[in-house]
PDB file of N, CA and C in Angstrom:
ATOM      1  N   MET A   1       7.736  10.584  19.745  1.00  0.00           N
ATOM      2  CA  MET A   1       6.436  10.270  20.063  1.00  0.00           C
ATOM      3  C   MET A   1       6.282   8.770  19.658  1.00  0.00           C
ATOM      4  N   LYS A   2       5.327   8.095  20.321  1.00  0.00           N
ATOM      5  CA  LYS A   2       5.118   6.699  20.134  1.00  0.00           C
ATOM      6  C   LYS A   2       3.852   6.432  19.168  1.00  0.00           C
ATOM      7  N   VAL A   3       4.007   5.372  18.592  1.00  0.00           N
ATOM      8  CA  VAL A   3       2.749   4.913  17.710  1.00  0.00           C
ATOM      9  C   VAL A   3       1.341   5.104  18.463  1.00  0.00           C
ATOM     10  N   LYS A   4       1.291   4.524  19.706  1.00  0.00           N
ATOM     11  CA  LYS A   4       0.024   4.559  20.383  1.00  0.00           C
ATOM     12  C   LYS A   4      -0.480   5.912  20.646  1.00  0.00           C
ATOM     13  N   GLU A   5       0.441   6.852  20.614  1.00  0.00           N
ATOM     14  CA  GLU A   5      -0.091   8.350  20.891  1.00  0.00           C
ATOM     15  C   GLU A   5      -0.770   8.865  19.564  1.00  0.00           C
ATOM     16  N   ILE A   6      -0.672   8.226  18.447  1.00  0.00           N
ATOM     17  CA  ILE A   6      -1.179   8.768  17.195  1.00  0.00           C
ATOM     18  C   ILE A   6      -2.322   7.788  16.575  1.00  0.00           C
ATOM     19  N   MET A   7      -2.020   6.482  16.824  1.00  0.00           N
ATOM     20  CA  MET A   7      -2.775   5.478  16.102  1.00  0.00           C
ATOM     21  C   MET A   7      -4.422   5.599  16.347  1.00  0.00           C
ATOM     22  N   ASN A   8      -5.085   5.020  15.466  1.00  0.00           N
ATOM     23  CA  ASN A   8      -6.509   5.118  15.438  1.00  0.00           C
ATOM     24  C   ASN A   8      -6.896   3.813  16.259  1.00  0.00           C
ATOM     25  N   LYS A   9      -7.623   3.929  17.409  1.00  0.00           N
ATOM     26  CA  LYS A   9      -7.968   3.060  18.336  1.00  0.00           C
ATOM     27  C   LYS A   9      -9.446   2.528  17.911  1.00  0.00           C
ATOM     28  N   ASP A  10     -10.209   3.203  17.071  1.00  0.00           N
ATOM     29  CA  ASP A  10     -11.512   2.911  16.661  1.00  0.00           C
ATOM     30  C   ASP A  10     -11.311   2.479  15.089  1.00  0.00           C
ATOM     31  N   PHE A  11     -11.006   1.109  15.095  1.00  0.00           N
ATOM     32  CA  PHE A  11     -10.762   0.657  13.778  1.00  0.00           C
ATOM     33  C   PHE A  11     -11.579  -0.630  13.559  1.00  0.00           C
ATOM     34  N   ILE A  12     -11.768  -1.072  12.385  1.00  0.00           N
ATOM     35  CA  ILE A  12     -12.674  -2.168  11.987  1.00  0.00           C
ATOM     36  C   ILE A  12     -11.645  -3.385  12.005  1.00  0.00           C
ATOM     37  N   LYS A  13     -12.186  -4.526  12.508  1.00  0.00           N
ATOM     38  CA  LYS A  13     -11.545  -5.899  12.443  1.00  0.00           C
ATOM     39  C   LYS A  13     -12.340  -6.824  11.453  1.00  0.00           C
ATOM     40  N   ILE A  14     -11.503  -7.437  10.546  1.00  0.00           N
ATOM     41  CA  ILE A  14     -12.119  -8.260   9.642  1.00  0.00           C
ATOM     42  C   ILE A  14     -11.734  -9.707   9.986  1.00  0.00           C
ATOM     43  N   SER A  15     -12.574 -10.690   9.752  1.00  0.00           N
ATOM     44  CA  SER A  15     -12.299 -12.122   9.961  1.00  0.00           C
ATOM     45  C   SER A  15     -11.745 -12.788   8.655  1.00  0.00           C
ATOM     46  N   PRO A  16     -10.936 -13.815   8.699  1.00  0.00           N
ATOM     47  CA  PRO A  16     -10.481 -14.464   7.583  1.00  0.00           C
ATOM     48  C   PRO A  16     -11.589 -15.061   6.883  1.00  0.00           C
ATOM     49  N   ASN A  17     -12.730 -15.445   7.483  1.00  0.00           N
ATOM     50  CA  ASN A  17     -13.819 -16.084   7.083  1.00  0.00           C
ATOM     51  C   ASN A  17     -14.957 -15.275   6.342  1.00  0.00           C
ATOM     52  N   ASP A  18     -14.677 -13.896   6.550  1.00  0.00           N
ATOM     53  CA  ASP A  18     -15.788 -13.002   5.913  1.00  0.00           C
ATOM     54  C   ASP A  18     -15.655 -12.911   4.474  1.00  0.00           C
ATOM     55  N   ILE A  19     -16.677 -12.683   3.844  1.00  0.00           N
ATOM     56  CA  ILE A  19     -16.697 -12.703   2.317  1.00  0.00           C
ATOM     57  C   ILE A  19     -16.411 -11.376   1.827  1.00  0.00           C
ATOM     58  N   GLY A  20     -15.598 -11.303   0.677  1.00  0.00           N
ATOM     59  CA  GLY A  20     -15.074 -10.242   0.063  1.00  0.00           C
ATOM     60  C   GLY A  20     -16.097  -9.085  -0.136  1.00  0.00           C
ATOM     61  N   GLY A  21     -17.227  -9.451  -0.966  1.00  0.00           N
ATOM     62  CA  GLY A  21     -18.334  -8.590  -1.193  1.00  0.00           C
ATOM     63  C   GLY A  21     -18.808  -7.931  -0.178  1.00  0.00           C
ATOM     64  N   GLU A  22     -19.125  -8.562   0.913  1.00  0.00           N
ATOM     65  CA  GLU A  22     -19.696  -8.095   2.216  1.00  0.00           C
ATOM     66  C   GLU A  22     -18.721  -7.067   2.922  1.00  0.00           C
ATOM     67  N   VAL A  23     -17.419  -7.359   2.839  1.00  0.00           N
ATOM     68  CA  VAL A  23     -16.416  -6.492   3.411  1.00  0.00           C
ATOM     69  C   VAL A  23     -16.271  -5.153   2.653  1.00  0.00           C
ATOM     70  N   VAL A  24     -16.241  -5.258   1.389  1.00  0.00           N
ATOM     71  CA  VAL A  24     -16.390  -4.120   0.561  1.00  0.00           C
ATOM     72  C   VAL A  24     -17.408  -3.138   0.857  1.00  0.00           C
ATOM     73  N   GLN A  25     -18.644  -3.581   1.145  1.00  0.00           N
ATOM     74  CA  GLN A  25     -19.753  -2.800   1.428  1.00  0.00           C
ATOM     75  C   GLN A  25     -19.639  -2.374   2.815  1.00  0.00           C
ATOM     76  N   PHE A  26     -19.135  -3.113   3.756  1.00  0.00           N
ATOM     77  CA  PHE A  26     -18.909  -2.557   5.108  1.00  0.00           C
ATOM     78  C   PHE A  26     -17.831  -1.486   5.050  1.00  0.00           C
ATOM     79  N   LEU A  27     -16.729  -1.679   4.479  1.00  0.00           N
ATOM     80  CA  LEU A  27     -15.683  -0.633   4.467  1.00  0.00           C
ATOM     81  C   LEU A  27     -16.272   0.582   3.717  1.00  0.00           C
ATOM     82  N   TYR A  28     -16.966   0.393   2.700  1.00  0.00           N
ATOM     83  CA  TYR A  28     -17.520   1.681   2.057  1.00  0.00           C
ATOM     84  C   TYR A  28     -18.463   2.440   2.939  1.00  0.00           C
ATOM     85  N   LYS A  29     -19.328   1.713   3.649  1.00  0.00           N
ATOM     86  CA  LYS A  29     -20.109   2.218   4.610  1.00  0.00           C
ATOM     87  C   LYS A  29     -19.428   2.964   5.737  1.00  0.00           C
ATOM     88  N   GLU A  30     -18.426   2.386   6.246  1.00  0.00           N
ATOM     89  CA  GLU A  30     -17.590   3.018   7.420  1.00  0.00           C
ATOM     90  C   GLU A  30     -16.564   3.937   6.760  1.00  0.00           C
ATOM     91  N   ARG A  31     -16.443   4.183   5.522  1.00  0.00           N
ATOM     92  CA  ARG A  31     -15.496   5.116   4.837  1.00  0.00           C
ATOM     93  C   ARG A  31     -14.152   4.704   5.273  1.00  0.00           C
ATOM     94  N   LYS A  32     -13.704   3.498   5.109  1.00  0.00           N
ATOM     95  CA  LYS A  32     -12.449   2.996   5.504  1.00  0.00           C
ATOM     96  C   LYS A  32     -11.920   2.295   4.236  1.00  0.00           C
ATOM     97  N   ASN A  33     -10.523   2.291   4.037  1.00  0.00           N
ATOM     98  CA  ASN A  33      -9.841   1.638   2.994  1.00  0.00           C
ATOM     99  C   ASN A  33      -9.041   0.693   3.358  1.00  0.00           C
ATOM    100  N   HIS A  34      -8.910   0.129   4.641  1.00  0.00           N
ATOM    101  CA  HIS A  34      -8.012  -0.802   5.158  1.00  0.00           C
ATOM    102  C   HIS A  34      -8.483  -1.353   6.430  1.00  0.00           C
ATOM    103  N   ALA A  35      -8.221  -2.629   6.604  1.00  0.00           N
ATOM    104  CA  ALA A  35      -8.530  -3.293   7.978  1.00  0.00           C
ATOM    105  C   ALA A  35      -7.701  -4.465   8.243  1.00  0.00           C
ATOM    106  N   PRO A  36      -7.241  -4.623   9.540  1.00  0.00           N
ATOM    107  CA  PRO A  36      -6.555  -5.795  10.046  1.00  0.00           C
ATOM    108  C   PRO A  36      -7.419  -7.002   9.998  1.00  0.00           C
ATOM    109  N   VAL A  37      -7.014  -8.033   9.574  1.00  0.00           N
ATOM    110  CA  VAL A  37      -7.564  -9.386   9.567  1.00  0.00           C
ATOM    111  C   VAL A  37      -7.291 -10.052  10.932  1.00  0.00           C
ATOM    112  N   VAL A  38      -8.304 -10.289  11.752  1.00  0.00           N
ATOM    113  CA  VAL A  38      -7.904 -10.730  13.103  1.00  0.00           C
ATOM    114  C   VAL A  38      -8.625 -12.241  13.344  1.00  0.00           C
ATOM    115  N   GLU A  39      -8.022 -13.021  14.045  1.00  0.00           N
ATOM    116  CA  GLU A  39      -8.476 -14.182  14.488  1.00  0.00           C
ATOM    117  C   GLU A  39      -8.073 -14.545  15.809  1.00  0.00           C
ATOM    118  N   ASP A  40      -8.984 -14.717  16.725  1.00  0.00           N
ATOM    119  CA  ASP A  40      -8.811 -14.935  18.140  1.00  0.00           C
ATOM    120  C   ASP A  40      -7.894 -13.866  18.817  1.00  0.00           C
ATOM    121  N   GLY A  41      -8.387 -12.586  18.347  1.00  0.00           N
ATOM    122  CA  GLY A  41      -7.560 -11.385  18.834  1.00  0.00           C
ATOM    123  C   GLY A  41      -6.069 -10.994  18.266  1.00  0.00           C
ATOM    124  N   LYS A  42      -5.770 -12.011  17.392  1.00  0.00           N
ATOM    125  CA  LYS A  42      -4.324 -11.906  16.844  1.00  0.00           C
ATOM    126  C   LYS A  42      -4.389 -11.481  15.486  1.00  0.00           C
ATOM    127  N   LEU A  43      -3.437 -10.702  15.044  1.00  0.00           N
ATOM    128  CA  LEU A  43      -3.404 -10.266  13.573  1.00  0.00           C
ATOM    129  C   LEU A  43      -2.880 -11.460  12.714  1.00  0.00           C
ATOM    130  N   VAL A  44      -3.633 -11.681  11.749  1.00  0.00           N
ATOM    131  CA  VAL A  44      -3.126 -12.874  10.715  1.00  0.00           C
ATOM    132  C   VAL A  44      -3.041 -12.356   9.280  1.00  0.00           C
ATOM    133  N   GLY A  45      -3.492 -11.002   9.167  1.00  0.00           N
ATOM    134  CA  GLY A  45      -3.429 -10.420   7.880  1.00  0.00           C
ATOM    135  C   GLY A  45      -3.943  -9.043   7.711  1.00  0.00           C
ATOM    136  N   TRP A  46      -3.777  -8.393   6.560  1.00  0.00           N
ATOM    137  CA  TRP A  46      -4.210  -7.133   6.295  1.00  0.00           C
ATOM    138  C   TRP A  46      -4.994  -7.063   5.019  1.00  0.00           C
ATOM    139  N   ILE A  47      -6.075  -6.297   4.941  1.00  0.00           N
ATOM    140  CA  ILE A  47      -6.822  -6.263   3.740  1.00  0.00           C
ATOM    141  C   ILE A  47      -7.010  -4.757   3.335  1.00  0.00           C
ATOM    142  N   THR A  48      -6.941  -4.328   2.173  1.00  0.00           N
ATOM    143  CA  THR A  48      -7.095  -3.030   1.572  1.00  0.00           C
ATOM    144  C   THR A  48      -8.291  -3.167   0.546  1.00  0.00           C
ATOM    145  N   ALA A  49      -8.866  -1.884   0.256  1.00  0.00           N
ATOM    146  CA  ALA A  49      -9.863  -1.873  -0.756  1.00  0.00           C
ATOM    147  C   ALA A  49      -9.237  -2.280  -2.167  1.00  0.00           C
ATOM    148  N   LEU A  50      -8.099  -2.023  -2.389  1.00  0.00           N
ATOM    149  CA  LEU A  50      -7.494  -2.378  -3.673  1.00  0.00           C
ATOM    150  C   LEU A  50      -7.267  -4.036  -3.876  1.00  0.00           C
ATOM    151  N   ASP A  51      -7.111  -4.726  -2.613  1.00  0.00           N
ATOM    152  CA  ASP A  51      -7.073  -6.178  -2.572  1.00  0.00           C
ATOM    153  C   ASP A  51      -8.459  -6.697  -2.808  1.00  0.00           C
ATOM    154  N   LEU A  52      -9.347  -6.023  -2.377  1.00  0.00           N
ATOM    155  CA  LEU A  52     -10.740  -6.591  -2.459  1.00  0.00           C
ATOM    156  C   LEU A  52     -11.265  -6.246  -4.086  1.00  0.00           C
ATOM    157  N   LEU A  53     -10.773  -5.229  -4.488  1.00  0.00           N
ATOM    158  CA  LEU A  53     -11.176  -4.868  -5.828  1.00  0.00           C
ATOM    159  C   LEU A  53     -10.492  -5.891  -6.949  1.00  0.00           C
ATOM    160  N   ALA A  54      -9.367  -6.434  -6.588  1.00  0.00           N
ATOM    161  CA  ALA A  54      -8.614  -7.396  -7.343  1.00  0.00           C
ATOM    162  C   ALA A  54      -9.265  -8.778  -7.221  1.00  0.00           C
ATOM    163  N   GLY A  55      -9.869  -8.911  -6.140  1.00  0.00           N
ATOM    164  CA  GLY A  55     -10.396 -10.343  -5.749  1.00  0.00           C
ATOM    165  C   GLY A  55     -11.773 -10.517  -6.210  1.00  0.00           C
ATOM    166  N   CYS A  56     -12.343 -11.735  -5.923  1.00  0.00           N
ATOM    167  CA  CYS A  56     -13.562 -12.150  -6.272  1.00  0.00           C
ATOM    168  C   CYS A  56     -14.633 -11.744  -5.081  1.00  0.00           C
ATOM    169  N   LYS A  57     -15.733 -11.118  -5.468  1.00  0.00           N
ATOM    170  CA  LYS A  57     -16.413 -10.737  -4.302  1.00  0.00           C
ATOM    171  C   LYS A  57     -17.154 -11.883  -3.385  1.00  0.00           C
ATOM    172  N   HIS A  58     -17.089 -12.974  -3.997  1.00  0.00           N
ATOM    173  CA  HIS A  58     -17.509 -14.270  -3.330  1.00  0.00           C
ATOM    174  C   HIS A  58     -16.406 -15.030  -2.547  1.00  0.00           C
ATOM    175  N   SER A  59     -15.213 -14.529  -2.735  1.00  0.00           N
ATOM    176  CA  SER A  59     -14.082 -15.165  -1.916  1.00  0.00           C
ATOM    177  C   SER A  59     -14.017 -14.839  -0.493  1.00  0.00           C
ATOM    178  N   LYS A  60     -13.457 -15.775   0.401  1.00  0.00           N
ATOM    179  CA  LYS A  60     -13.127 -15.326   1.603  1.00  0.00           C
ATOM    180  C   LYS A  60     -11.993 -14.479   1.622  1.00  0.00           C
ATOM    181  N   ILE A  61     -11.986 -13.612   2.833  1.00  0.00           N
ATOM    182  CA  ILE A  61     -10.908 -12.747   2.993  1.00  0.00           C
ATOM    183  C   ILE A  61      -9.516 -13.445   2.967  1.00  0.00           C
ATOM    184  N   GLU A  62      -9.589 -14.602   3.682  1.00  0.00           N
ATOM    185  CA  GLU A  62      -8.311 -15.397   3.758  1.00  0.00           C
ATOM    186  C   GLU A  62      -7.624 -15.609   2.438  1.00  0.00           C
ATOM    187  N   ASP A  63      -8.452 -15.565   1.331  1.00  0.00           N
ATOM    188  CA  ASP A  63      -7.894 -15.835  -0.034  1.00  0.00           C
ATOM    189  C   ASP A  63      -7.606 -14.420  -0.707  1.00  0.00           C
ATOM    190  N   LEU A  64      -7.946 -13.417  -0.076  1.00  0.00           N
ATOM    191  CA  LEU A  64      -7.575 -12.047  -0.645  1.00  0.00           C
ATOM    192  C   LEU A  64      -6.506 -11.207   0.114  1.00  0.00           C
ATOM    193  N   MET A  65      -6.327 -11.418   1.402  1.00  0.00           N
ATOM    194  CA  MET A  65      -5.619 -10.670   2.346  1.00  0.00           C
ATOM    195  C   MET A  65      -4.063 -10.805   2.091  1.00  0.00           C
ATOM    196  N   LEU A  66      -3.399  -9.896   2.666  1.00  0.00           N
ATOM    197  CA  LEU A  66      -1.938  -9.957   2.601  1.00  0.00           C
ATOM    198  C   LEU A  66      -1.676 -10.777   4.112  1.00  0.00           C
ATOM    199  N   PHE A  67      -0.649 -11.531   3.974  1.00  0.00           N
ATOM    200  CA  PHE A  67      -0.272 -12.340   5.210  1.00  0.00           C
ATOM    201  C   PHE A  67       0.792 -11.362   6.017  1.00  0.00           C
ATOM    202  N   ILE A  68       1.046 -11.675   7.325  1.00  0.00           N
ATOM    203  CA  ILE A  68       1.843 -10.958   8.267  1.00  0.00           C
ATOM    204  C   ILE A  68       3.193 -10.868   7.671  1.00  0.00           C
ATOM    205  N   ASP A  69       3.661 -11.854   6.965  1.00  0.00           N
ATOM    206  CA  ASP A  69       5.020 -11.808   6.344  1.00  0.00           C
ATOM    207  C   ASP A  69       5.123 -10.825   5.095  1.00  0.00           C
ATOM    208  N   GLU A  70       4.019 -10.409   4.662  1.00  0.00           N
ATOM    209  CA  GLU A  70       3.909  -9.584   3.425  1.00  0.00           C
ATOM    210  C   GLU A  70       3.811  -8.049   3.775  1.00  0.00           C
ATOM    211  N   ILE A  71       3.542  -7.878   5.136  1.00  0.00           N
ATOM    212  CA  ILE A  71       3.279  -6.519   5.531  1.00  0.00           C
ATOM    213  C   ILE A  71       4.089  -6.081   6.719  1.00  0.00           C
ATOM    214  N   LYS A  72       4.121  -4.676   6.857  1.00  0.00           N
ATOM    215  CA  LYS A  72       4.844  -4.127   8.022  1.00  0.00           C
ATOM    216  C   LYS A  72       3.852  -4.075   9.039  1.00  0.00           C
ATOM    217  N   VAL A  73       4.227  -4.487  10.242  1.00  0.00           N
ATOM    218  CA  VAL A  73       3.408  -4.358  11.545  1.00  0.00           C
ATOM    219  C   VAL A  73       4.120  -3.485  12.515  1.00  0.00           C
ATOM    220  N   LEU A  74       3.494  -2.609  13.151  1.00  0.00           N
ATOM    221  CA  LEU A  74       3.985  -1.751  14.103  1.00  0.00           C
ATOM    222  C   LEU A  74       3.504  -2.169  15.515  1.00  0.00           C
ATOM    223  N   LYS A  75       4.485  -1.951  16.388  1.00  0.00           N
ATOM    224  CA  LYS A  75       4.274  -2.283  17.913  1.00  0.00           C
ATOM    225  C   LYS A  75       3.712  -0.879  18.412  1.00  0.00           C
ATOM    226  N   GLU A  76       2.882  -0.855  19.398  1.00  0.00           N
ATOM    227  CA  GLU A  76       2.197   0.319  19.967  1.00  0.00           C
ATOM    228  C   GLU A  76       3.287   1.239  20.782  1.00  0.00           C
ATOM    229  N   ASP A  77       4.420   0.635  21.109  1.00  0.00           N
ATOM    230  CA  ASP A  77       5.229   1.354  21.759  1.00  0.00           C
ATOM    231  C   ASP A  77       6.662   1.694  20.875  1.00  0.00           C
ATOM    232  N   ASP A  78       6.484   1.481  19.601  1.00  0.00           N
ATOM    233  CA  ASP A  78       7.489   1.899  18.574  1.00  0.00           C
ATOM    234  C   ASP A  78       7.420   3.360  18.560  1.00  0.00           C
ATOM    235  N   GLU A  79       8.600   4.040  18.226  1.00  0.00           N
ATOM    236  CA  GLU A  79       8.715   5.451  18.003  1.00  0.00           C
ATOM    237  C   GLU A  79       8.250   5.662  16.535  1.00  0.00           C
ATOM    238  N   ILE A  80       7.531   6.802  16.373  1.00  0.00           N
ATOM    239  CA  ILE A  80       7.395   7.374  15.002  1.00  0.00           C
ATOM    240  C   ILE A  80       8.558   8.032  14.563  1.00  0.00           C
ATOM    241  N   THR A  81       9.315   7.387  13.523  1.00  0.00           N
ATOM    242  CA  THR A  81      10.589   7.927  12.948  1.00  0.00           C
ATOM    243  C   THR A  81      10.318   8.524  11.627  1.00  0.00           C
ATOM    244  N   ASP A  82      11.275   9.360  11.184  1.00  0.00           N
ATOM    245  CA  ASP A  82      11.273   9.633   9.844  1.00  0.00           C
ATOM    246  C   ASP A  82      11.309   8.406   8.906  1.00  0.00           C
ATOM    247  N   GLU A  83      11.976   7.197   9.340  1.00  0.00           N
ATOM    248  CA  GLU A  83      12.120   6.212   8.552  1.00  0.00           C
ATOM    249  C   GLU A  83      10.810   5.628   8.198  1.00  0.00           C
ATOM    250  N   ILE A  84       9.843   5.509   9.197  1.00  0.00           N
ATOM    251  CA  ILE A  84       8.576   4.958   8.993  1.00  0.00           C
ATOM    252  C   ILE A  84       7.755   5.840   8.009  1.00  0.00           C
ATOM    253  N   ILE A  85       7.965   7.104   8.259  1.00  0.00           N
ATOM    254  CA  ILE A  85       7.040   7.905   7.397  1.00  0.00           C
ATOM    255  C   ILE A  85       7.712   7.984   5.935  1.00  0.00           C
ATOM    256  N   GLU A  86       9.071   7.936   5.796  1.00  0.00           N
ATOM    257  CA  GLU A  86       9.408   7.795   4.448  1.00  0.00           C
ATOM    258  C   GLU A  86       9.153   6.546   3.792  1.00  0.00           C
ATOM    259  N   GLU A  87       9.174   5.340   4.517  1.00  0.00           N
ATOM    260  CA  GLU A  87       8.624   4.091   3.970  1.00  0.00           C
ATOM    261  C   GLU A  87       7.201   4.107   3.536  1.00  0.00           C
ATOM    262  N   MET A  88       6.384   4.747   4.300  1.00  0.00           N
ATOM    263  CA  MET A  88       5.088   4.872   3.916  1.00  0.00           C
ATOM    264  C   MET A  88       4.915   5.632   2.571  1.00  0.00           C
ATOM    265  N   ILE A  89       5.644   6.723   2.467  1.00  0.00           N
ATOM    266  CA  ILE A  89       5.559   7.559   1.382  1.00  0.00           C
ATOM    267  C   ILE A  89       6.133   6.772   0.065  1.00  0.00           C
ATOM    268  N   LYS A  90       7.497   6.096   0.273  1.00  0.00           N
ATOM    269  CA  LYS A  90       8.035   5.469  -0.867  1.00  0.00           C
ATOM    270  C   LYS A  90       7.282   4.293  -1.342  1.00  0.00           C
ATOM    271  N   ASN A  91       6.709   3.577  -0.469  1.00  0.00           N
ATOM    272  CA  ASN A  91       5.962   2.291  -0.894  1.00  0.00           C
ATOM    273  C   ASN A  91       4.254   2.625  -1.042  1.00  0.00           C
ATOM    274  N   GLU A  92       4.071   3.883  -0.825  1.00  0.00           N
ATOM    275  CA  GLU A  92       2.706   4.307  -1.003  1.00  0.00           C
ATOM    276  C   GLU A  92       1.664   3.473  -0.250  1.00  0.00           C
ATOM    277  N   GLU A  93       2.111   3.292   1.078  1.00  0.00           N
ATOM    278  CA  GLU A  93       1.290   2.560   1.993  1.00  0.00           C
ATOM    279  C   GLU A  93       0.476   3.563   2.737  1.00  0.00           C
ATOM    280  N   ILE A  94      -0.864   3.149   2.756  1.00  0.00           N
ATOM    281  CA  ILE A  94      -1.861   4.118   3.398  1.00  0.00           C
ATOM    282  C   ILE A  94      -1.825   3.852   4.953  1.00  0.00           C
ATOM    283  N   ALA A  95      -1.530   2.680   5.436  1.00  0.00           N
ATOM    284  CA  ALA A  95      -1.639   2.286   6.855  1.00  0.00           C
ATOM    285  C   ALA A  95      -0.948   1.073   7.208  1.00  0.00           C
ATOM    286  N   TYR A  96      -0.748   1.040   8.408  1.00  0.00           N
ATOM    287  CA  TYR A  96      -0.215  -0.229   9.069  1.00  0.00           C
ATOM    288  C   TYR A  96      -1.070  -0.677  10.090  1.00  0.00           C
ATOM    289  N   PRO A  97      -1.068  -2.051  10.443  1.00  0.00           N
ATOM    290  CA  PRO A  97      -1.676  -2.476  11.771  1.00  0.00           C
ATOM    291  C   PRO A  97      -0.780  -2.172  12.871  1.00  0.00           C
ATOM    292  N   VAL A  98      -1.372  -2.068  13.991  1.00  0.00           N
ATOM    293  CA  VAL A  98      -0.584  -1.778  15.231  1.00  0.00           C
ATOM    294  C   VAL A  98      -0.921  -3.008  16.285  1.00  0.00           C
ATOM    295  N   VAL A  99       0.080  -3.633  16.755  1.00  0.00           N
ATOM    296  CA  VAL A  99      -0.279  -4.596  17.801  1.00  0.00           C
ATOM    297  C   VAL A  99       0.564  -4.267  19.104  1.00  0.00           C
ATOM    298  N   ASN A 100      -0.008  -4.988  20.290  1.00  0.00           N
ATOM    299  CA  ASN A 100       0.603  -4.700  21.515  1.00  0.00           C
ATOM    300  C   ASN A 100       1.754  -5.971  21.814  1.00  0.00           C
ATOM    301  N   GLU A 101       2.250  -5.987  23.007  1.00  0.00           N
ATOM    302  CA  GLU A 101       3.419  -6.905  23.272  1.00  0.00           C
ATOM    303  C   GLU A 101       2.955  -8.324  23.124  1.00  0.00           C
ATOM    304  N   ASN A 102       1.538  -8.579  23.190  1.00  0.00           N
ATOM    305  CA  ASN A 102       1.042  -9.928  23.022  1.00  0.00           C
ATOM    306  C   ASN A 102       0.491 -10.214  21.628  1.00  0.00           C
ATOM    307  N   ASP A 103       0.895  -9.413  20.744  1.00  0.00           N
ATOM    308  CA  ASP A 103       0.528  -9.331  19.250  1.00  0.00           C
ATOM    309  C   ASP A 103      -0.979  -9.294  18.973  1.00  0.00           C
ATOM    310  N   GLU A 104      -1.723  -8.676  19.983  1.00  0.00           N
ATOM    311  CA  GLU A 104      -3.066  -8.437  19.732  1.00  0.00           C
ATOM    312  C   GLU A 104      -3.103  -6.966  19.177  1.00  0.00           C
ATOM    313  N   VAL A 105      -4.214  -7.085  18.224  1.00  0.00           N
ATOM    314  CA  VAL A 105      -4.344  -5.851  17.305  1.00  0.00           C
ATOM    315  C   VAL A 105      -4.942  -4.829  18.305  1.00  0.00           C
ATOM    316  N   VAL A 106      -4.320  -3.576  18.305  1.00  0.00           N
ATOM    317  CA  VAL A 106      -4.870  -2.564  19.101  1.00  0.00           C
ATOM    318  C   VAL A 106      -5.100  -1.201  18.491  1.00  0.00           C
ATOM    319  N   GLY A 107      -4.827  -1.239  17.116  1.00  0.00           N
ATOM    320  CA  GLY A 107      -5.096  -0.079  16.230  1.00  0.00           C
ATOM    321  C   GLY A 107      -4.524  -0.160  14.989  1.00  0.00           C
ATOM    322  N   THR A 108      -4.623   0.971  14.262  1.00  0.00           N
ATOM    323  CA  THR A 108      -3.963   1.177  12.924  1.00  0.00           C
ATOM    324  C   THR A 108      -3.214   2.465  12.878  1.00  0.00           C
ATOM    325  N   LEU A 109      -2.318   2.450  12.209  1.00  0.00           N
ATOM    326  CA  LEU A 109      -1.581   3.952  11.827  1.00  0.00           C
ATOM    327  C   LEU A 109      -1.720   4.247  10.511  1.00  0.00           C
ATOM    328  N   SER A 110      -2.380   5.341  10.054  1.00  0.00           N
ATOM    329  CA  SER A 110      -2.486   5.808   8.755  1.00  0.00           C
ATOM    330  C   SER A 110      -1.910   7.023   8.498  1.00  0.00           C
ATOM    331  N   VAL A 111      -1.697   7.245   7.296  1.00  0.00           N
ATOM    332  CA  VAL A 111      -1.126   8.688   6.847  1.00  0.00           C
ATOM    333  C   VAL A 111      -2.213   9.755   7.352  1.00  0.00           C
ATOM    334  N   PHE A 112      -3.284   9.332   7.389  1.00  0.00           N
ATOM    335  CA  PHE A 112      -4.335  10.457   7.832  1.00  0.00           C
ATOM    336  C   PHE A 112      -4.289  10.700   9.440  1.00  0.00           C
ATOM    337  N   ASP A 113      -3.911   9.717  10.119  1.00  0.00           N
ATOM    338  CA  ASP A 113      -3.588   9.779  11.538  1.00  0.00           C
ATOM    339  C   ASP A 113      -2.365  10.626  11.741  1.00  0.00           C
ATOM    340  N   LEU A 114      -1.452  10.534  10.988  1.00  0.00           N
ATOM    341  CA  LEU A 114      -0.200  11.465  11.075  1.00  0.00           C
ATOM    342  C   LEU A 114      -0.376  12.750  10.584  1.00  0.00           C
ATOM    343  N   LEU A 115      -1.184  12.995   9.488  1.00  0.00           N
ATOM    344  CA  LEU A 115      -1.661  14.352   9.153  1.00  0.00           C
ATOM    345  C   LEU A 115      -2.458  15.014  10.182  1.00  0.00           C
ATOM    346  N   LYS A 116      -3.413  14.343  10.642  1.00  0.00           N
ATOM    347  CA  LYS A 116      -4.086  14.968  11.899  1.00  0.00           C
ATOM    348  C   LYS A 116      -3.355  15.355  13.077  1.00  0.00           C
ATOM    349  N   TYR A 117      -2.249  14.502  13.379  1.00  0.00           N
ATOM    350  CA  TYR A 117      -1.408  14.813  14.369  1.00  0.00           C
ATOM    351  C   TYR A 117      -0.592  16.003  14.120  1.00  0.00           C
ATOM    352  N   TYR A 118       0.059  16.129  12.919  1.00  0.00           N
ATOM    353  CA  TYR A 118       1.019  17.182  12.647  1.00  0.00           C
ATOM    354  C   TYR A 118       0.232  18.426  12.344  1.00  0.00           C
ATOM    355  N   LYS A 119      -1.061  18.281  11.969  1.00  0.00           N
ATOM    356  CA  LYS A 119      -1.923  19.534  11.706  1.00  0.00           C
ATOM    357  C   LYS A 119      -1.993  20.314  13.082  1.00  0.00           C
ATOM    358  N   LYS A 120      -2.235  19.500  14.181  1.00  0.00           N
ATOM    359  CA  LYS A 120      -2.297  20.072  15.515  1.00  0.00           C
ATOM    360  C   LYS A 120      -1.219  20.891  15.730  1.00  0.00           C
TER     361      LYS A 120
END
């Protein structure tokens, strides 16, 4: 099975210029704990609720986010493998951003997406 068959296509996008305190409130309202940081349609980073808690609520997201070289990025046509699932468990990663062949963000894949799929 491919990532695009399971991924969440209804995800929140955050800008590097957004302010941490506002993003915390937005994520809380939407009941999300992660979001891709996107600029001009391209993935530039990843932010989690923990990153926001550790940062300053007045800081820009670009000062709080994890950069692409610090995170795992999945392609929508990647196969869901035991290795991906084991890596999520081992590293206690909640989710990964998903991009298409043009490196545009098209979704996120979280442990909850996997659980929903396997529950069916």
